[in-house]
Protein backbone atom coordinates (compact mmCIF):
# COMPACT_ATOMS: atom_id res chain seq x y z
CA MET A 1 -10.96 28.52 8.65
CA SER A 2 -9.38 28.02 5.23
CA LYS A 3 -9.11 24.94 4.21
CA LEU A 4 -5.61 23.88 2.32
CA THR A 5 -5.08 24.33 -1.52
CA ARG A 6 -4.54 20.93 -3.17
CA SER A 7 -0.75 21.76 -3.32
CA GLU A 8 -0.74 23.36 0.36
CA ARG A 9 -1.45 20.17 1.64
CA GLU A 10 1.25 18.62 -0.61
CA LYS A 11 3.64 20.60 0.86
CA LEU A 12 2.63 20.11 4.44
CA LYS A 13 2.91 16.59 3.72
CA THR A 14 5.97 16.82 2.63
CA MET A 15 7.35 18.85 5.67
CA VAL A 16 5.89 16.39 8.48
CA LEU A 17 6.89 13.26 6.14
CA LYS A 18 10.33 15.13 6.37
CA ILE A 19 10.20 15.39 10.14
CA LEU A 20 9.53 11.73 10.43
CA ARG A 21 11.63 10.51 8.64
CA ASP A 22 14.93 12.36 8.63
CA ASN A 23 15.88 11.93 12.43
CA PRO A 24 13.21 13.12 14.32
CA ASP A 25 15.03 13.57 17.66
CA LYS A 26 16.93 16.43 16.03
CA THR A 27 14.44 18.24 15.96
CA GLY A 28 13.20 17.36 19.81
CA LEU A 29 10.80 14.12 19.15
CA SER A 30 11.74 11.00 20.91
CA PRO A 31 10.89 8.29 17.95
CA ASP A 32 10.84 4.49 19.72
CA GLU A 33 12.21 1.59 17.94
CA TRP A 34 9.39 1.02 15.21
CA GLY A 35 10.13 5.35 14.10
CA PHE A 36 6.05 6.31 16.13
CA VAL A 37 6.54 9.86 18.21
CA ALA A 38 3.62 10.82 20.06
CA ILE A 39 1.30 13.02 17.87
CA ASP A 40 0.62 15.87 20.11
CA GLU A 41 4.65 16.60 20.15
CA LEU A 42 4.55 15.69 16.16
CA ILE A 43 1.95 18.59 16.44
CA SER A 44 3.97 20.84 18.92
CA ILE A 45 6.91 20.49 16.35
CA CYS A 46 5.04 21.84 13.90
CA GLU A 47 4.14 24.69 14.94
CA VAL A 48 7.73 25.55 15.67
CA LYS A 49 8.78 24.16 12.20
CA ILE A 50 5.86 25.00 9.71
CA PRO A 51 4.70 27.99 11.29
CA TRP A 52 1.87 28.51 8.63
CA ALA A 53 0.09 25.40 9.85
CA ARG A 54 -3.05 24.66 11.88
CA GLU A 55 -3.16 21.68 14.28
CA THR A 56 -6.11 20.07 12.48
CA TRP A 57 -4.70 20.19 9.40
CA VAL A 58 -1.82 18.12 10.52
CA VAL A 59 -3.90 16.32 12.21
CA ASP A 60 -5.99 15.42 9.62
CA LEU A 61 -3.29 14.95 7.34
CA LEU A 62 -2.07 12.37 9.30
CA LYS A 63 -5.06 10.01 8.10
CA ASP A 64 -3.20 9.79 4.59
CA PRO A 65 -1.66 5.95 3.83
CA ASP A 66 1.56 7.35 4.28
CA PHE A 67 1.33 7.65 8.14
CA GLU A 68 0.47 5.32 10.56
CA ILE A 69 -1.22 5.53 13.51
CA LEU A 70 -1.24 3.53 16.85
CA GLU A 71 -3.47 3.66 19.60
CA GLY A 72 -4.09 7.06 17.98
CA LYS A 73 -2.07 9.04 20.45
CA TYR A 74 1.36 7.74 18.13
CA VAL A 75 2.47 7.92 14.08
CA ARG A 76 5.08 7.60 12.07
CA ALA A 77 6.30 7.59 8.13
CA ARG A 78 5.06 3.89 6.67
CA ASP A 79 8.62 4.32 4.94
CA GLY A 80 11.50 5.70 3.75
CA HIS A 81 12.91 6.54 7.25
CA ASN A 82 16.59 7.53 6.50
CA TYR A 83 17.70 6.03 10.15
CA TYR A 84 17.26 2.69 11.05
CA VAL A 85 13.78 1.72 12.03
CA GLU A 86 13.33 -1.90 13.23
CA PRO A 87 10.79 -3.85 10.83
CA GLU A 88 7.32 -5.39 12.58
CA PRO A 89 9.21 -6.88 15.41
CA GLU A 90 7.90 -10.94 14.17
CA VAL A 91 9.36 -12.89 11.32
CA ALA A 92 6.54 -14.06 9.36
CA GLU A 93 5.56 -17.04 6.69
CA PRO A 94 4.98 -15.31 2.93
CA PRO A 95 2.16 -16.57 0.48
CA GLY A 96 4.03 -18.61 -1.77
CA VAL A 97 4.65 -16.16 -4.29
CA LEU A 98 5.22 -12.17 -3.67
CA TYR A 99 5.79 -9.08 -6.28
CA ALA A 100 8.42 -6.32 -6.71
CA VAL A 101 9.44 -3.69 -9.45
CA VAL A 102 12.37 -2.80 -10.63
CA PRO A 103 13.64 -0.47 -12.76
CA LYS A 104 14.09 -1.79 -16.26
CA ILE A 105 17.48 -0.91 -16.52
CA MET A 106 18.21 -2.68 -13.04
CA LEU A 107 17.43 -6.08 -14.08
CA LYS A 108 19.97 -8.22 -15.11
CA THR A 109 22.01 -6.87 -12.45
CA VAL A 110 18.91 -8.27 -10.31
CA LEU A 111 18.62 -11.47 -11.94
CA LYS A 112 22.21 -12.00 -11.68
CA SER A 113 23.02 -10.55 -8.23
CA GLY A 114 19.51 -10.90 -6.50
CA LEU A 115 16.95 -7.98 -5.03
CA LYS A 116 18.70 -6.28 -2.99
CA THR A 117 18.06 -2.85 -0.74
CA LEU A 118 18.53 -0.09 -3.12
CA LYS A 119 17.39 3.07 -0.06
CA GLY A 120 17.06 1.86 3.92
CA ARG A 121 17.59 -1.40 5.03
CA PHE A 122 14.32 -3.38 3.76
CA THR A 123 12.56 -3.92 -0.27
CA ARG A 124 9.26 -4.14 0.01
CA LEU A 125 7.31 -6.81 -1.86
CA TYR A 126 3.90 -7.11 -2.59
CA GLN A 127 1.15 -10.06 -2.69
CA THR A 128 -0.47 -9.13 -5.97
CA VAL A 129 0.70 -7.48 -8.76
CA ASP A 130 -1.64 -4.33 -8.81
CA GLU A 131 -0.33 -3.66 -4.90
CA ALA A 132 3.00 -3.69 -6.16
CA TRP A 133 2.12 -1.02 -9.30
CA TYR A 134 0.30 0.78 -6.51
CA PHE A 135 2.96 1.07 -3.94
CA SER A 136 6.04 1.70 -6.65
CA MET A 137 7.61 4.80 -7.33
CA LYS A 138 5.56 5.27 -9.87
CA GLY A 139 8.46 5.62 -11.69
CA SER A 140 9.19 6.45 -15.05
CA GLY A 141 6.79 3.97 -16.49
CA SER A 142 10.41 1.32 -17.94
CA ASP A 143 9.79 -0.60 -14.93
CA VAL A 144 9.26 -4.37 -14.54
CA ILE A 145 7.54 -6.83 -12.04
CA ILE A 146 9.74 -9.68 -10.71
CA SER A 147 8.07 -12.52 -9.16
CA ILE A 148 9.40 -14.10 -6.27
CA LYS A 149 9.12 -17.39 -5.47
CA SER A 150 8.87 -16.75 -1.79
CA GLN A 151 7.24 -19.15 0.20
CA LYS A 152 10.58 -21.31 -1.25
CA ALA A 153 12.60 -18.42 -0.24
CA TYR A 154 11.85 -18.46 3.36
CA GLU A 155 12.06 -22.55 3.88
CA LYS A 156 15.29 -22.05 2.67
CA GLY A 157 15.88 -19.51 5.70
CA VAL A 158 14.98 -15.89 4.23
CA LYS A 159 13.46 -14.06 7.29
CA PHE A 160 10.05 -11.75 6.26
CA PHE A 161 8.57 -9.33 7.87
CA LEU A 162 5.03 -8.20 7.50
CA SER A 163 3.80 -4.82 7.60
CA GLN A 164 0.39 -3.39 7.15
CA ARG A 165 0.58 -3.10 3.79
CA CYS A 166 3.69 -5.30 1.91
CA TYR A 167 5.63 -8.23 3.31
CA ASN A 168 9.92 -6.54 3.72
CA VAL A 169 12.81 -8.13 3.24
CA ARG A 170 16.61 -7.75 3.42
CA TYR A 171 17.76 -9.87 0.35
CA ILE A 172 16.05 -12.40 -1.81
CA PRO A 173 18.62 -14.41 -3.59
CA PRO A 174 18.54 -14.23 -7.81
CA GLU A 175 17.34 -18.49 -8.57
CA TYR A 176 13.40 -16.97 -6.32
CA LEU A 177 13.23 -14.03 -8.78
CA SER A 178 11.90 -13.97 -12.17
CA VAL A 179 10.35 -11.69 -14.61
CA LYS A 180 6.49 -11.21 -14.07
CA ILE A 181 5.79 -7.93 -16.53
CA PRO A 182 6.58 -5.16 -17.63
CA ARG A 183 4.80 -2.04 -16.51
CA GLY A 184 3.71 -1.09 -20.14
CA GLU A 185 2.23 -4.20 -20.94
CA PHE A 186 0.26 -4.41 -17.90
CA GLU A 187 -1.14 -0.77 -18.23
CA LYS A 188 -2.49 -1.96 -21.54
């Protein structure tokens, strides 16, 4: 059996993520309210939608950090869904400070209007500056870290939801935000 090249693996990953993120019920999958689908059903769909992909390749691919496996039977894309996916079910108390990455061109708007979602239903916040850079969109290089006084926001009623990698939030008012560090300065 041949191995996937790096570009083939990326193509397969993109296609599987598309199936999981873009209304999987249209492909015959039945996601639960958190976006999980049965792995064996996903493999069956992949055999039809991606005929060149082998089952072992798909199973191996699901170990990638972009996927979350539950009980060894179910899988979902960790983020980026284009349909409503429930956050982790419980509100979580955040640490004192969390971080988000925003494009520099949006900085004034964010500091004036607050941190809102651009796509999807939640904004992801991270516990360290390193995590924020790593899991950010890895955009243009002119991104900025925003520091969030998360504990104070929580005490004033902002709801935080904890997932495996980050905290999720719908909106952070501007009074809890400050500029932490521009990306270029962090990388020096």
